[in-house]
N, C-alpha and C. Protein backbone atom coordinates (compact mmCIF):
# COMPACT_ATOMS: atom_id res chain seq x y z
N UNK A 1 -29.14 -15.00 -16.38
CA UNK A 1 -27.79 -15.40 -16.42
C UNK A 1 -27.92 -15.46 -14.45
N UNK A 2 -27.24 -16.49 -14.07
CA UNK A 2 -28.01 -17.50 -13.05
C UNK A 2 -26.63 -16.43 -11.97
N UNK A 3 -27.07 -16.95 -10.43
CA UNK A 3 -25.71 -16.08 -10.08
C UNK A 3 -24.53 -16.58 -9.83
N UNK A 4 -25.02 -17.91 -10.09
CA UNK A 4 -23.44 -18.98 -9.86
C UNK A 4 -23.33 -18.80 -11.12
N UNK A 5 -22.75 -18.79 -12.40
CA UNK A 5 -22.76 -18.49 -13.60
C UNK A 5 -22.10 -17.23 -13.15
N UNK A 6 -22.24 -16.10 -12.87
CA UNK A 6 -21.70 -14.53 -12.52
C UNK A 6 -20.47 -14.71 -11.31
N UNK A 7 -20.68 -15.60 -10.71
CA UNK A 7 -19.59 -15.60 -9.37
C UNK A 7 -18.99 -16.11 -10.37
N UNK A 8 -19.30 -17.33 -11.14
CA UNK A 8 -17.66 -17.65 -11.40
C UNK A 8 -17.13 -17.32 -12.64
N UNK A 9 -17.89 -16.56 -13.31
CA UNK A 9 -17.44 -15.25 -14.83
C UNK A 9 -16.23 -14.63 -13.77
N UNK A 10 -16.38 -13.87 -13.01
CA UNK A 10 -16.12 -13.26 -12.22
C UNK A 10 -15.08 -13.43 -11.51
N UNK A 11 -15.37 -14.81 -10.75
CA UNK A 11 -13.72 -15.00 -10.22
C UNK A 11 -12.74 -15.34 -10.88
N UNK A 12 -13.32 -15.80 -12.42
CA UNK A 12 -11.70 -16.21 -13.15
C UNK A 12 -11.01 -14.82 -13.78
N UNK A 13 -11.62 -13.63 -13.56
CA UNK A 13 -10.66 -12.37 -14.69
C UNK A 13 -10.01 -12.32 -13.73
N UNK A 14 -8.73 -11.97 -14.14
CA UNK A 14 -7.66 -11.79 -13.45
C UNK A 14 -7.85 -9.91 -13.47
N UNK A 15 -7.71 -9.46 -11.81
CA UNK A 15 -7.43 -8.10 -12.20
C UNK A 15 -5.82 -7.20 -11.81
N UNK A 16 -5.87 -6.49 -12.79
CA UNK A 16 -4.44 -6.18 -13.72
C UNK A 16 -4.46 -4.45 -12.74
N UNK A 17 -3.88 -4.77 -12.12
CA UNK A 17 -3.74 -2.59 -11.32
C UNK A 17 -4.17 -1.92 -12.62
N UNK A 18 -4.54 -1.00 -12.24
CA UNK A 18 -3.93 0.12 -13.66
C UNK A 18 -2.98 1.46 -13.36
N UNK A 19 -2.24 1.03 -12.59
CA UNK A 19 -0.84 2.27 -12.14
C UNK A 19 0.27 1.33 -12.28
N UNK A 20 1.47 2.09 -12.68
CA UNK A 20 2.42 1.31 -13.13
C UNK A 20 3.23 2.00 -11.79
N UNK A 21 3.66 0.89 -10.56
CA UNK A 21 3.80 1.18 -9.17
C UNK A 21 5.25 1.16 -9.01
N UNK A 22 6.22 0.39 -10.02
CA UNK A 22 7.35 0.32 -9.90
C UNK A 22 8.24 1.77 -9.80
N UNK A 23 7.94 2.98 -10.67
CA UNK A 23 8.40 4.28 -10.96
C UNK A 23 8.61 4.52 -9.23
N UNK A 24 7.08 4.71 -8.55
CA UNK A 24 7.28 4.73 -6.85
C UNK A 24 8.08 4.13 -6.56
N UNK A 25 7.75 2.56 -6.15
CA UNK A 25 8.60 2.23 -5.16
C UNK A 25 11.04 2.13 -5.56
N UNK A 26 11.14 2.81 -7.06
CA UNK A 26 12.65 2.68 -6.77
C UNK A 26 13.32 4.62 -7.03
N UNK A 27 11.63 5.43 -6.60
CA UNK A 27 12.31 6.67 -6.09
C UNK A 27 12.03 7.51 -7.62
N UNK A 28 11.06 7.28 -8.60
CA UNK A 28 10.45 8.24 -9.59
C UNK A 28 9.90 9.55 -8.62
N UNK A 29 10.05 10.41 -9.06
CA UNK A 29 10.15 11.63 -8.23
C UNK A 29 8.24 11.87 -8.24
N UNK A 30 7.68 12.94 -7.53
CA UNK A 30 6.17 12.47 -8.07
C UNK A 30 6.66 13.81 -9.26
N UNK A 31 6.63 14.86 -8.48
CA UNK A 31 6.44 15.85 -10.03
C UNK A 31 7.16 15.53 -11.53
N UNK A 32 7.42 14.08 -11.21
CA UNK A 32 8.10 13.61 -12.80
C UNK A 32 6.78 12.34 -13.29
N UNK A 33 6.14 12.45 -12.48
CA UNK A 33 5.13 11.30 -12.95
C UNK A 33 3.38 12.41 -13.78
N UNK A 34 4.40 12.32 -15.27
CA UNK A 34 2.61 13.29 -15.49
C UNK A 34 1.84 12.98 -16.15
N UNK A 35 1.07 11.36 -16.84
CA UNK A 35 0.66 11.08 -16.03
C UNK A 35 -0.13 11.60 -14.77
N UNK A 36 -0.10 11.29 -14.17
CA UNK A 36 -1.12 10.70 -12.92
C UNK A 36 -1.38 13.05 -12.52
N UNK A 37 -3.02 13.21 -12.54
CA UNK A 37 -3.50 14.05 -12.25
C UNK A 37 -3.23 14.40 -10.95
N UNK A 38 -3.38 15.98 -10.32
CA UNK A 38 -3.31 17.05 -9.26
C UNK A 38 -3.02 16.24 -7.80
N UNK A 39 -4.01 15.70 -7.96
CA UNK A 39 -4.59 14.78 -7.00
C UNK A 39 -3.82 13.45 -6.82
N UNK A 40 -4.29 13.05 -7.65
CA UNK A 40 -3.40 11.95 -7.40
C UNK A 40 -1.38 11.99 -6.61
N UNK A 41 -1.29 13.14 -7.47
CA UNK A 41 0.52 13.32 -6.79
C UNK A 41 0.21 13.57 -4.77
N UNK A 42 -0.56 14.66 -5.28
CA UNK A 42 -0.82 15.00 -3.73
C UNK A 42 -0.94 13.94 -3.02
N UNK A 43 -1.35 12.43 -2.65
CA UNK A 43 -2.09 11.48 -1.50
C UNK A 43 -0.43 10.17 -2.11
N UNK A 44 -0.03 10.52 -3.29
CA UNK A 44 1.29 10.05 -2.80
C UNK A 44 2.18 10.49 -2.05
N UNK A 45 2.40 11.70 -2.87
CA UNK A 45 3.73 12.36 -1.86
C UNK A 45 2.89 12.38 -0.25
N UNK A 46 1.60 12.99 0.15
CA UNK A 46 1.55 12.41 1.42
C UNK A 46 1.95 10.82 1.96
N UNK A 47 1.40 9.59 0.54
CA UNK A 47 1.90 8.17 1.61
C UNK A 47 3.49 8.50 1.54
N UNK A 48 4.29 8.70 0.64
CA UNK A 48 5.15 8.72 0.68
C UNK A 48 6.20 9.52 2.02
N UNK A 49 5.86 10.92 2.72
CA UNK A 49 5.74 10.80 4.09
C UNK A 49 5.43 10.82 4.28
N UNK A 50 4.17 10.17 4.94
CA UNK A 50 3.65 9.03 5.60
C UNK A 50 4.77 7.31 5.78
N UNK A 51 5.46 6.77 5.24
CA UNK A 51 6.10 6.43 5.31
C UNK A 51 7.20 6.21 5.62
N UNK A 52 8.37 7.61 4.85
CA UNK A 52 9.30 7.56 5.47
C UNK A 52 9.07 8.56 7.11
N UNK A 53 8.32 8.89 7.78
CA UNK A 53 8.00 9.10 9.38
C UNK A 53 7.69 7.74 10.06
N UNK A 54 7.24 7.04 9.56
CA UNK A 54 6.46 6.07 10.00
C UNK A 54 7.47 4.65 10.90
N UNK A 55 7.88 4.53 8.89
CA UNK A 55 8.83 3.48 9.03
C UNK A 55 10.02 3.58 9.95
N UNK A 56 10.63 1.98 10.55
CA UNK A 56 12.25 1.61 10.78
C UNK A 56 12.46 0.56 10.85
N UNK A 57 13.70 0.72 10.52
CA UNK A 57 14.54 -0.49 10.21
C UNK A 57 14.12 -1.80 11.47
N UNK A 58 14.43 -1.76 12.58
CA UNK A 58 14.21 -2.94 13.44
C UNK A 58 12.58 -2.96 13.96
N UNK A 59 11.58 -2.35 12.65
CA UNK A 59 10.03 -2.91 12.32
C UNK A 59 10.36 -4.34 12.42
N UNK A 60 9.15 -5.06 12.22
CA UNK A 60 9.26 -6.77 11.77
C UNK A 60 8.71 -6.15 10.58
N UNK A 61 8.79 -6.72 9.66
CA UNK A 61 7.94 -6.87 8.98
C UNK A 61 7.24 -7.05 8.26
N UNK A 62 6.25 -8.12 9.23
CA UNK A 62 5.17 -7.86 9.24
C UNK A 62 4.45 -6.59 9.88
N UNK A 63 5.07 -5.55 10.94
CA UNK A 63 5.36 -4.58 11.53
C UNK A 63 5.42 -3.46 10.82
N UNK A 64 6.13 -3.47 9.42
CA UNK A 64 5.34 -2.33 8.65
C UNK A 64 5.13 -2.80 7.49
N UNK A 65 4.75 -3.84 7.12
CA UNK A 65 3.10 -3.73 6.37
C UNK A 65 2.26 -3.24 6.39
N UNK A 66 1.92 -3.80 8.08
CA UNK A 66 1.07 -2.77 8.76
C UNK A 66 1.10 -1.37 8.59
N UNK A 67 1.72 -0.92 8.78
CA UNK A 67 2.36 0.33 8.54
C UNK A 67 2.28 1.28 6.69
N UNK A 68 2.25 0.29 5.93
CA UNK A 68 2.31 0.82 4.94
C UNK A 68 0.94 1.44 4.32
N UNK A 69 0.22 0.11 5.63
CA UNK A 69 -1.81 -0.43 5.24
C UNK A 69 -2.20 0.57 5.41
N UNK A 70 -1.47 0.82 6.77
CA UNK A 70 -2.53 1.84 7.32
C UNK A 70 -2.48 3.77 5.98
N UNK A 71 -0.50 3.51 5.66
CA UNK A 71 -0.36 4.72 5.91
C UNK A 71 -1.46 5.28 4.56
N UNK A 72 -1.25 3.94 3.52
CA UNK A 72 -1.80 3.76 2.04
C UNK A 72 -3.93 4.18 2.61
N UNK A 73 -3.49 3.93 3.16
CA UNK A 73 -5.43 4.08 3.62
C UNK A 73 -5.82 5.54 3.96
N UNK A 74 -4.55 5.61 4.84
CA UNK A 74 -4.99 7.28 5.09
C UNK A 74 -4.79 8.02 4.28
N UNK A 75 -3.42 8.09 3.66
CA UNK A 75 -3.25 9.72 1.84
C UNK A 75 -4.56 9.14 0.63
N UNK A 76 -5.10 7.68 0.70
CA UNK A 76 -6.34 7.33 -0.92
C UNK A 76 -7.55 7.83 -0.06
N UNK A 77 -8.18 7.91 2.25
CA UNK A 77 -9.18 7.77 2.10
C UNK A 77 -9.62 8.62 3.48
N UNK A 78 -8.06 9.40 3.73
CA UNK A 78 -8.57 10.78 5.03
C UNK A 78 -7.60 9.29 6.49
N UNK A 79 -6.98 10.84 7.43
CA UNK A 79 -7.12 9.90 9.04
C UNK A 79 -7.72 9.21 9.24
N UNK A 80 -8.58 9.38 9.27
CA UNK A 80 -9.94 8.81 10.35
C UNK A 80 -9.52 7.27 9.40
N UNK A 81 -10.08 6.39 8.84
CA UNK A 81 -10.16 5.10 8.13
C UNK A 81 -9.01 4.21 9.03
N UNK A 82 -8.00 4.21 8.79
CA UNK A 82 -7.41 3.76 9.86
C UNK A 82 -7.76 3.57 11.62
N UNK A 83 -8.18 4.90 11.78
CA UNK A 83 -8.29 5.08 13.19
C UNK A 83 -9.77 4.08 13.40
N UNK A 84 -10.63 4.28 12.52
CA UNK A 84 -11.81 4.10 12.79
C UNK A 84 -11.78 2.84 13.49
N UNK A 85 -13.18 1.96 14.03
CA UNK A 85 -13.34 1.35 15.10
C UNK A 85 -14.30 -0.22 13.98
N UNK A 86 -13.65 -0.93 13.26
CA UNK A 86 -13.38 -2.43 12.98
C UNK A 86 -12.41 -2.47 11.56
N UNK A 87 -11.62 -0.90 11.75
CA UNK A 87 -11.06 -1.00 10.68
C UNK A 87 -9.66 -1.86 11.29
N UNK A 88 -9.14 -2.68 11.88
CA UNK A 88 -8.30 -3.16 13.26
C UNK A 88 -8.33 -4.48 11.58
N UNK A 89 -9.56 -4.34 11.85
CA UNK A 89 -9.41 -6.01 11.11
C UNK A 89 -8.75 -6.29 9.75
N UNK A 90 -9.73 -5.54 9.14
CA UNK A 90 -9.54 -5.07 7.44
C UNK A 90 -8.09 -5.38 7.30
N UNK A 91 -7.23 -3.55 8.00
CA UNK A 91 -5.78 -3.60 7.73
C UNK A 91 -5.21 -4.63 8.29
N UNK A 92 -5.35 -5.99 9.47
CA UNK A 92 -4.54 -7.27 9.23
C UNK A 92 -5.38 -7.66 7.88
N UNK A 93 -6.28 -8.17 7.67
CA UNK A 93 -6.42 -8.94 6.54
C UNK A 93 -5.37 -8.34 5.76
N UNK A 94 -5.36 -6.86 5.18
CA UNK A 94 -5.05 -6.75 3.99
C UNK A 94 -3.14 -7.44 4.06
N UNK A 95 -3.00 -6.71 5.29
CA UNK A 95 -1.67 -7.36 6.10
C UNK A 95 -1.55 -8.65 5.43
N UNK A 96 -2.15 -10.01 5.62
CA UNK A 96 -1.64 -10.97 5.89
C UNK A 96 -2.11 -11.25 4.13
N UNK A 97 -2.65 -10.51 3.87
CA UNK A 97 -2.54 -10.79 1.58
C UNK A 97 -1.41 -10.21 1.36
N UNK A 98 -0.37 -9.69 2.05
CA UNK A 98 0.24 -9.21 1.72
C UNK A 98 1.54 -10.09 1.55
N UNK A 99 1.55 -10.07 3.09
CA UNK A 99 2.91 -11.25 3.43
C UNK A 99 2.75 -12.38 2.67
N UNK A 100 1.70 -12.93 2.32
CA UNK A 100 1.03 -14.22 1.99
C UNK A 100 1.24 -14.60 0.37
N UNK A 101 0.83 -13.24 -0.74
CA UNK A 101 1.68 -13.19 -2.05
C UNK A 101 3.23 -13.18 -2.26
N UNK A 102 3.87 -13.43 -2.66
CA UNK A 102 4.85 -14.07 -2.70
C UNK A 102 5.67 -11.89 -3.85
N UNK A 103 4.19 -11.60 -4.62
CA UNK A 103 5.39 -10.42 -5.63
C UNK A 103 4.75 -9.07 -4.30
N UNK A 104 3.83 -9.37 -3.23
CA UNK A 104 3.13 -8.56 -2.77
C UNK A 104 4.41 -8.03 -1.61
N UNK A 105 4.73 -9.06 -1.31
CA UNK A 105 5.46 -9.07 -0.67
C UNK A 105 6.94 -8.95 -0.33
N UNK A 106 7.48 -8.84 -2.16
CA UNK A 106 8.69 -8.74 -2.72
C UNK A 106 8.31 -6.47 -2.35
N UNK A 107 7.53 -7.33 -2.96
CA UNK A 107 7.59 -5.07 -3.38
C UNK A 107 7.15 -4.11 -2.53
N UNK A 108 6.84 -4.42 -1.27
CA UNK A 108 6.33 -3.55 -0.20
C UNK A 108 8.01 -4.02 0.58
N UNK A 109 8.60 -5.17 0.54
CA UNK A 109 10.03 -5.18 1.34
C UNK A 109 10.53 -3.51 0.42
N UNK A 110 10.71 -4.34 -1.11
CA UNK A 110 11.72 -2.90 -2.00
C UNK A 110 11.37 -1.25 -0.69
N UNK A 111 9.63 -0.98 -1.31
CA UNK A 111 8.79 -0.47 -0.10
C UNK A 111 9.66 0.56 1.30
N UNK A 112 10.25 -0.90 2.22
CA UNK A 112 10.48 -1.06 3.72
C UNK A 112 11.96 -0.69 3.51
N UNK A 113 12.68 -0.89 1.91
CA UNK A 113 13.78 -1.09 2.19
C UNK A 113 14.56 0.86 2.01
N UNK A 114 13.45 1.79 0.84
CA UNK A 114 13.44 2.13 0.94
C UNK A 114 13.61 3.52 1.60
N UNK A 115 11.77 3.84 2.47
CA UNK A 115 11.28 4.36 2.92
C UNK A 115 11.44 4.48 4.76
N UNK A 116 12.34 3.34 5.56
CA UNK A 116 12.45 2.81 6.54
C UNK A 116 13.11 3.54 7.10
N UNK A 117 13.87 4.22 8.22
CA UNK A 117 14.87 4.96 9.11
C UNK A 117 15.59 4.24 9.69
N UNK A 118 16.52 4.90 10.54
CA UNK A 118 17.45 3.68 11.18
C UNK A 118 16.86 4.73 12.57
N UNK A 119 16.24 3.25 13.48
CA UNK A 119 16.30 4.14 15.02
C UNK A 119 18.06 4.63 15.50
N UNK A 120 17.63 5.88 15.94
CA UNK A 120 18.88 6.82 16.67
C UNK A 120 19.25 6.70 17.84
N UNK A 121 19.98 5.71 19.29
CA UNK A 121 20.34 5.23 19.72
C UNK A 121 20.37 6.42 20.58
């Protein structure tokens, strides 16, 4: 098989996420998700705590999605990754990808609505 055939075959396959994110987005508690391992539950709890502390209702959608991406990277790979040299380009690319896809944008808006706090004056 040539490289061209391999690339074509790979690009035609559709990526399907291996975890169902809707229970997370709609408030099912981490402890209730029995199918997740302990480490995954800890990462999700860290992600949700980071969102609750970081998202604000007065953020623009782009700012909020960027915060979601940074928080997800920090929860999954450690807090040093989003701060690493060169990470800003990756974060911006992921943010643009989310904002340009209807389904991902809607999911991000649900997350923002659930976790964003109103700034007290």
